[in-house]
Amino acid sequence: MINNPSHPKKGHLKSKECKFTKAGIEYIDYKQTDVLERFMNDQGKILPRRVTGTSARHQRMLSRAVKRARFLALIPYVTENMR
């Protein structure tokens, strides 16, 4: 195998940045469904931190906001094609 310095080593991932920290967002509101849906997959599941790159603090706020929005029927628990 040729040692190529421009190619990252196996197992090394580029560190992701928290979009909320970068934007200076202090609180994630459950009424902002467009923001919440960006952090959910097509089945309606909340995406994990390792995929989205959010910080632990913002991931907790995000999951709480998604659950509140689901309870108030602002976003569905499951997508239409899963029913």
N, C-alpha and C. Protein backbone atom coordinates (compact mmCIF):
# COMPACT_ATOMS: atom_id res chain seq x y z
N MET A 1 0.84 -1.18 0.00
CA MET A 1 0.00 0.00 0.00
C MET A 1 0.89 1.25 0.00
N ILE A 2 0.58 2.17 -0.86
CA ILE A 2 1.34 3.41 -0.97
C ILE A 2 0.85 4.39 0.09
N ASN A 3 1.80 5.01 0.77
CA ASN A 3 1.45 5.96 1.82
C ASN A 3 1.12 7.31 1.17
N ASN A 4 -0.15 7.66 1.15
CA ASN A 4 -0.60 8.91 0.55
C ASN A 4 -0.99 9.88 1.68
N PRO A 5 -0.24 10.97 1.88
CA PRO A 5 -0.54 11.89 2.99
C PRO A 5 -1.87 12.63 2.83
N SER A 6 -2.39 12.75 1.63
CA SER A 6 -3.65 13.47 1.45
C SER A 6 -4.85 12.60 1.79
N HIS A 7 -4.66 11.28 1.84
CA HIS A 7 -5.74 10.36 2.15
C HIS A 7 -5.78 10.12 3.67
N PRO A 8 -6.96 10.29 4.30
CA PRO A 8 -7.01 10.08 5.76
C PRO A 8 -6.81 8.60 6.10
N LYS A 9 -6.25 8.36 7.28
CA LYS A 9 -6.00 7.00 7.72
C LYS A 9 -7.32 6.29 7.99
N LYS A 10 -7.29 4.98 7.87
CA LYS A 10 -8.49 4.19 8.11
C LYS A 10 -8.92 4.34 9.57
N GLY A 11 -10.20 4.59 9.78
CA GLY A 11 -10.71 4.74 11.13
C GLY A 11 -10.74 6.17 11.63
N HIS A 12 -10.12 7.08 10.91
CA HIS A 12 -10.12 8.48 11.33
C HIS A 12 -11.23 9.21 10.59
N LEU A 13 -12.13 9.79 11.35
CA LEU A 13 -13.24 10.54 10.76
C LEU A 13 -13.02 12.03 10.95
N LYS A 14 -13.55 12.80 10.05
CA LYS A 14 -13.49 14.25 10.19
C LYS A 14 -14.41 14.64 11.33
N SER A 15 -13.95 15.45 12.26
CA SER A 15 -14.78 15.83 13.39
C SER A 15 -15.90 16.74 12.91
N LYS A 16 -17.10 16.44 13.38
CA LYS A 16 -18.27 17.22 12.97
C LYS A 16 -18.49 18.33 13.98
N GLU A 17 -19.09 19.40 13.52
CA GLU A 17 -19.35 20.54 14.40
C GLU A 17 -20.84 20.62 14.69
N CYS A 18 -21.16 21.07 15.87
CA CYS A 18 -22.55 21.23 16.26
C CYS A 18 -23.12 22.45 15.54
N LYS A 19 -24.18 22.24 14.80
CA LYS A 19 -24.80 23.33 14.05
C LYS A 19 -25.44 24.37 14.98
N PHE A 20 -25.92 23.92 16.11
CA PHE A 20 -26.56 24.82 17.06
C PHE A 20 -25.53 25.70 17.77
N THR A 21 -24.40 25.13 18.14
CA THR A 21 -23.35 25.90 18.78
C THR A 21 -22.78 26.93 17.81
N LYS A 22 -22.59 26.50 16.56
CA LYS A 22 -22.04 27.38 15.53
C LYS A 22 -22.97 28.56 15.26
N ALA A 23 -24.30 28.31 15.30
CA ALA A 23 -25.28 29.36 15.05
C ALA A 23 -25.57 30.19 16.30
N GLY A 24 -25.06 29.75 17.45
CA GLY A 24 -25.28 30.49 18.69
C GLY A 24 -26.66 30.29 19.27
N ILE A 25 -27.29 29.15 19.00
CA ILE A 25 -28.64 28.87 19.49
C ILE A 25 -28.54 28.34 20.92
N GLU A 26 -29.26 28.99 21.83
CA GLU A 26 -29.25 28.60 23.24
C GLU A 26 -30.32 27.57 23.56
N TYR A 27 -31.49 27.68 22.90
CA TYR A 27 -32.63 26.82 23.21
C TYR A 27 -33.27 26.33 21.92
N ILE A 28 -33.56 25.04 21.84
CA ILE A 28 -34.22 24.46 20.67
C ILE A 28 -35.71 24.39 20.98
N ASP A 29 -36.50 25.10 20.21
CA ASP A 29 -37.93 25.22 20.46
C ASP A 29 -38.69 24.11 19.75
N TYR A 30 -39.66 23.52 20.43
CA TYR A 30 -40.45 22.44 19.85
C TYR A 30 -41.39 22.91 18.75
N LYS A 31 -41.63 24.21 18.67
CA LYS A 31 -42.54 24.75 17.64
C LYS A 31 -41.86 24.96 16.29
N GLN A 32 -40.54 24.85 16.25
CA GLN A 32 -39.80 24.99 14.98
C GLN A 32 -39.69 23.61 14.33
N THR A 33 -40.78 23.15 13.73
CA THR A 33 -40.83 21.80 13.17
C THR A 33 -39.89 21.63 11.98
N ASP A 34 -39.65 22.69 11.22
CA ASP A 34 -38.72 22.56 10.08
C ASP A 34 -37.31 22.24 10.55
N VAL A 35 -36.89 22.81 11.67
CA VAL A 35 -35.56 22.53 12.23
C VAL A 35 -35.53 21.11 12.78
N LEU A 36 -36.58 20.71 13.47
CA LEU A 36 -36.62 19.38 14.08
C LEU A 36 -36.61 18.29 13.02
N GLU A 37 -37.30 18.49 11.92
CA GLU A 37 -37.40 17.47 10.88
C GLU A 37 -36.06 17.23 10.17
N ARG A 38 -35.16 18.21 10.21
CA ARG A 38 -33.83 18.02 9.62
C ARG A 38 -32.99 17.02 10.41
N PHE A 39 -33.34 16.83 11.68
CA PHE A 39 -32.60 15.91 12.54
C PHE A 39 -33.36 14.61 12.76
N MET A 40 -34.28 14.30 11.84
CA MET A 40 -35.03 13.05 11.88
C MET A 40 -34.88 12.36 10.54
N ASN A 41 -34.91 11.01 10.54
CA ASN A 41 -34.79 10.29 9.28
C ASN A 41 -36.16 10.16 8.61
N ASP A 42 -36.21 9.46 7.49
CA ASP A 42 -37.45 9.36 6.74
C ASP A 42 -38.52 8.53 7.46
N GLN A 43 -38.11 7.72 8.44
CA GLN A 43 -39.08 6.95 9.22
C GLN A 43 -39.64 7.75 10.39
N GLY A 44 -39.02 8.88 10.71
CA GLY A 44 -39.47 9.69 11.83
C GLY A 44 -38.64 9.50 13.08
N LYS A 45 -37.53 8.76 12.97
CA LYS A 45 -36.66 8.53 14.13
C LYS A 45 -35.67 9.69 14.27
N ILE A 46 -35.30 9.98 15.53
CA ILE A 46 -34.32 11.02 15.81
C ILE A 46 -32.93 10.49 15.45
N LEU A 47 -32.18 11.26 14.67
CA LEU A 47 -30.84 10.84 14.27
C LEU A 47 -29.87 10.97 15.44
N PRO A 48 -28.92 10.05 15.59
CA PRO A 48 -27.98 10.11 16.71
C PRO A 48 -26.92 11.19 16.53
N ARG A 49 -26.23 11.48 17.62
CA ARG A 49 -25.16 12.50 17.61
C ARG A 49 -24.05 12.18 16.65
N ARG A 50 -23.69 10.90 16.57
CA ARG A 50 -22.57 10.51 15.71
C ARG A 50 -22.86 10.77 14.24
N VAL A 51 -24.13 10.84 13.88
CA VAL A 51 -24.52 11.12 12.49
C VAL A 51 -24.61 12.62 12.25
N THR A 52 -25.28 13.33 13.16
CA THR A 52 -25.54 14.76 12.95
C THR A 52 -24.39 15.65 13.42
N GLY A 53 -23.64 15.20 14.42
CA GLY A 53 -22.52 16.00 14.92
C GLY A 53 -22.93 17.02 15.96
N THR A 54 -24.13 16.92 16.50
CA THR A 54 -24.57 17.87 17.53
C THR A 54 -23.87 17.57 18.85
N SER A 55 -23.77 18.58 19.68
CA SER A 55 -23.15 18.39 20.99
C SER A 55 -24.14 17.64 21.90
N ALA A 56 -23.64 17.10 22.99
CA ALA A 56 -24.48 16.32 23.90
C ALA A 56 -25.61 17.18 24.48
N ARG A 57 -25.29 18.39 24.83
CA ARG A 57 -26.28 19.31 25.41
C ARG A 57 -27.39 19.60 24.41
N HIS A 58 -27.02 19.91 23.18
CA HIS A 58 -28.01 20.23 22.17
C HIS A 58 -28.77 18.98 21.72
N GLN A 59 -28.15 17.80 21.76
CA GLN A 59 -28.84 16.56 21.41
C GLN A 59 -29.95 16.28 22.42
N ARG A 60 -29.68 16.53 23.69
CA ARG A 60 -30.72 16.34 24.72
C ARG A 60 -31.87 17.31 24.50
N MET A 61 -31.54 18.57 24.21
CA MET A 61 -32.60 19.56 23.93
C MET A 61 -33.39 19.19 22.69
N LEU A 62 -32.69 18.71 21.67
CA LEU A 62 -33.32 18.32 20.42
C LEU A 62 -34.30 17.17 20.63
N SER A 63 -33.87 16.14 21.34
CA SER A 63 -34.74 14.99 21.56
C SER A 63 -35.96 15.38 22.40
N ARG A 64 -35.77 16.25 23.38
CA ARG A 64 -36.89 16.72 24.20
C ARG A 64 -37.87 17.53 23.35
N ALA A 65 -37.36 18.36 22.46
CA ALA A 65 -38.21 19.18 21.59
C ALA A 65 -38.98 18.30 20.60
N VAL A 66 -38.33 17.28 20.05
CA VAL A 66 -39.01 16.36 19.12
C VAL A 66 -40.14 15.63 19.84
N LYS A 67 -39.87 15.15 21.04
CA LYS A 67 -40.88 14.42 21.79
C LYS A 67 -42.06 15.31 22.17
N ARG A 68 -41.80 16.56 22.51
CA ARG A 68 -42.88 17.50 22.80
C ARG A 68 -43.71 17.80 21.56
N ALA A 69 -43.03 17.99 20.43
CA ALA A 69 -43.73 18.27 19.17
C ALA A 69 -44.57 17.08 18.74
N ARG A 70 -44.08 15.87 18.95
CA ARG A 70 -44.86 14.67 18.64
C ARG A 70 -46.10 14.60 19.51
N PHE A 71 -45.94 14.87 20.80
CA PHE A 71 -47.07 14.80 21.74
C PHE A 71 -48.15 15.79 21.37
N LEU A 72 -47.76 16.97 20.91
CA LEU A 72 -48.72 18.00 20.52
C LEU A 72 -49.17 17.87 19.07
N ALA A 73 -48.77 16.79 18.41
CA ALA A 73 -49.17 16.48 17.02
C ALA A 73 -48.67 17.52 16.03
N LEU A 74 -47.53 18.14 16.30
CA LEU A 74 -46.91 19.06 15.35
C LEU A 74 -46.13 18.28 14.30
N ILE A 75 -45.56 17.14 14.71
CA ILE A 75 -44.88 16.23 13.80
C ILE A 75 -45.38 14.82 14.11
N PRO A 76 -45.42 13.93 13.12
CA PRO A 76 -45.93 12.58 13.37
C PRO A 76 -44.91 11.70 14.10
N TYR A 77 -45.44 10.71 14.82
CA TYR A 77 -44.57 9.72 15.47
C TYR A 77 -43.93 8.83 14.42
N VAL A 78 -44.72 8.42 13.43
CA VAL A 78 -44.27 7.53 12.36
C VAL A 78 -44.73 8.12 11.04
N THR A 79 -43.94 7.93 9.98
CA THR A 79 -44.32 8.47 8.68
C THR A 79 -45.53 7.72 8.11
N GLU A 80 -46.15 8.33 7.14
CA GLU A 80 -47.39 7.79 6.55
C GLU A 80 -47.16 6.43 5.90
N ASN A 81 -46.04 6.25 5.24
CA ASN A 81 -45.80 4.97 4.55
C ASN A 81 -45.47 3.82 5.51
N MET A 82 -45.22 4.10 6.78
CA MET A 82 -44.94 3.05 7.76
C MET A 82 -46.21 2.53 8.41
N ARG A 83 -47.33 3.25 8.29
CA ARG A 83 -48.58 2.85 8.96
C ARG A 83 -49.26 1.73 8.28
